[in-house]
Amino acid sequence: MAKDTWGAWGRPAVVQAASNSAANPSRLTARPWFIFSVVIGVILYVGGCSIGLFLAIRAAQG
């Protein structure tokens, strides 16, 4: 009972994560920052690969 009176911001991270995963069964909504970072990482990875291929083609042509 004391755990609930702390409020959402006063709980330890493990308790907060456990309550989030219990309230949201799907992990996509439980960890939005994880999904966001993965999406950003994929975009940067694909962008870096395309820029690298572009520069390699330019170097091979020139």
Foldseek 3Di string as FASTA:
>chain_A
DVQVVCDLVRHDPVVNLVVLCVVPVDVCVSCVVVVVVVVVVVVVVVVVVVVVVVVVVVVVVD
